[in-house]
Protein backbone atom coordinates (compact mmCIF):
# COMPACT_ATOMS: atom_id res chain seq x y z
CA MET A 1 6.48 144.13 227.05
CA ALA A 2 3.94 141.64 228.43
CA GLN A 3 0.26 141.97 227.60
CA GLU A 4 -2.01 142.80 230.50
CA PRO A 5 -4.20 140.78 230.63
CA PRO A 6 -3.02 138.07 228.22
CA LEU A 7 -5.29 137.31 225.28
CA ASN A 8 -7.45 134.20 225.31
CA PRO A 9 -7.81 132.11 222.13
CA GLY A 10 -11.29 133.55 221.46
CA ASP A 11 -10.14 137.18 221.68
CA GLU A 12 -9.74 139.07 218.40
CA ALA A 13 -7.87 141.99 220.02
CA GLU A 14 -6.70 143.37 223.36
CA PRO A 15 -9.50 144.50 225.68
CA GLY A 16 -10.17 148.21 225.21
CA ALA A 17 -8.61 148.38 221.75
CA PRO A 18 -10.39 150.82 219.41
CA GLY A 19 -13.13 149.17 217.36
CA THR A 20 -13.61 146.28 219.80
CA GLY A 21 -16.14 145.30 222.43
CA GLU A 22 -16.73 142.60 225.00
CA ASP A 23 -19.14 139.80 224.11
CA LEU A 24 -20.24 136.49 225.61
CA CYS A 25 -18.04 133.57 224.67
CA PRO A 26 -19.71 131.70 221.80
CA ASP A 27 -18.41 128.32 222.98
CA CYS A 28 -19.56 128.35 226.64
CA ASN A 29 -22.36 130.95 226.29
CA GLY A 30 -20.81 133.11 228.99
CA THR A 31 -20.55 130.43 231.68
CA GLY A 32 -16.76 130.08 231.56
CA LYS A 33 -17.07 126.29 231.58
CA ARG A 34 -17.42 123.57 228.95
CA GLU A 35 -18.15 119.97 229.88
CA GLY A 36 -17.31 120.69 233.53
CA THR A 37 -13.90 122.25 232.89
CA GLU A 38 -12.63 125.76 232.17
CA CYS A 39 -13.51 126.95 228.68
CA ASN A 40 -10.35 127.20 226.55
CA THR A 41 -11.82 129.84 224.26
CA CYS A 42 -12.37 132.50 226.94
CA GLY A 43 -9.98 131.23 229.60
CA GLY A 44 -12.86 130.72 232.02
CA THR A 45 -14.02 134.35 231.98
CA GLY A 46 -17.13 133.77 229.88
CA LYS A 47 -16.20 136.82 227.77
CA VAL A 48 -14.24 137.43 224.59
CA THR A 49 -13.10 140.65 222.91
CA GLN A 50 -14.58 140.95 219.42
CA GLY A 51 -14.18 143.42 216.59
CA ILE A 52 -17.28 145.57 216.15
CA GLY A 53 -18.58 147.64 213.30
CA GLY A 54 -19.18 146.91 209.67
CA GLY A 55 -16.98 146.75 206.70
């Protein structure tokens, strides 16, 4: 079964997964671009899915 949407390299989990939240991409600071091209970390969205909470 295909993931919807596909994960970007900066995502730690699927969007909406328990214990995760959306955050600004640390590499492009939420712009979706790096050095004039699409950011590879977030796939140009400016957002990544991160694990939240403490351990």
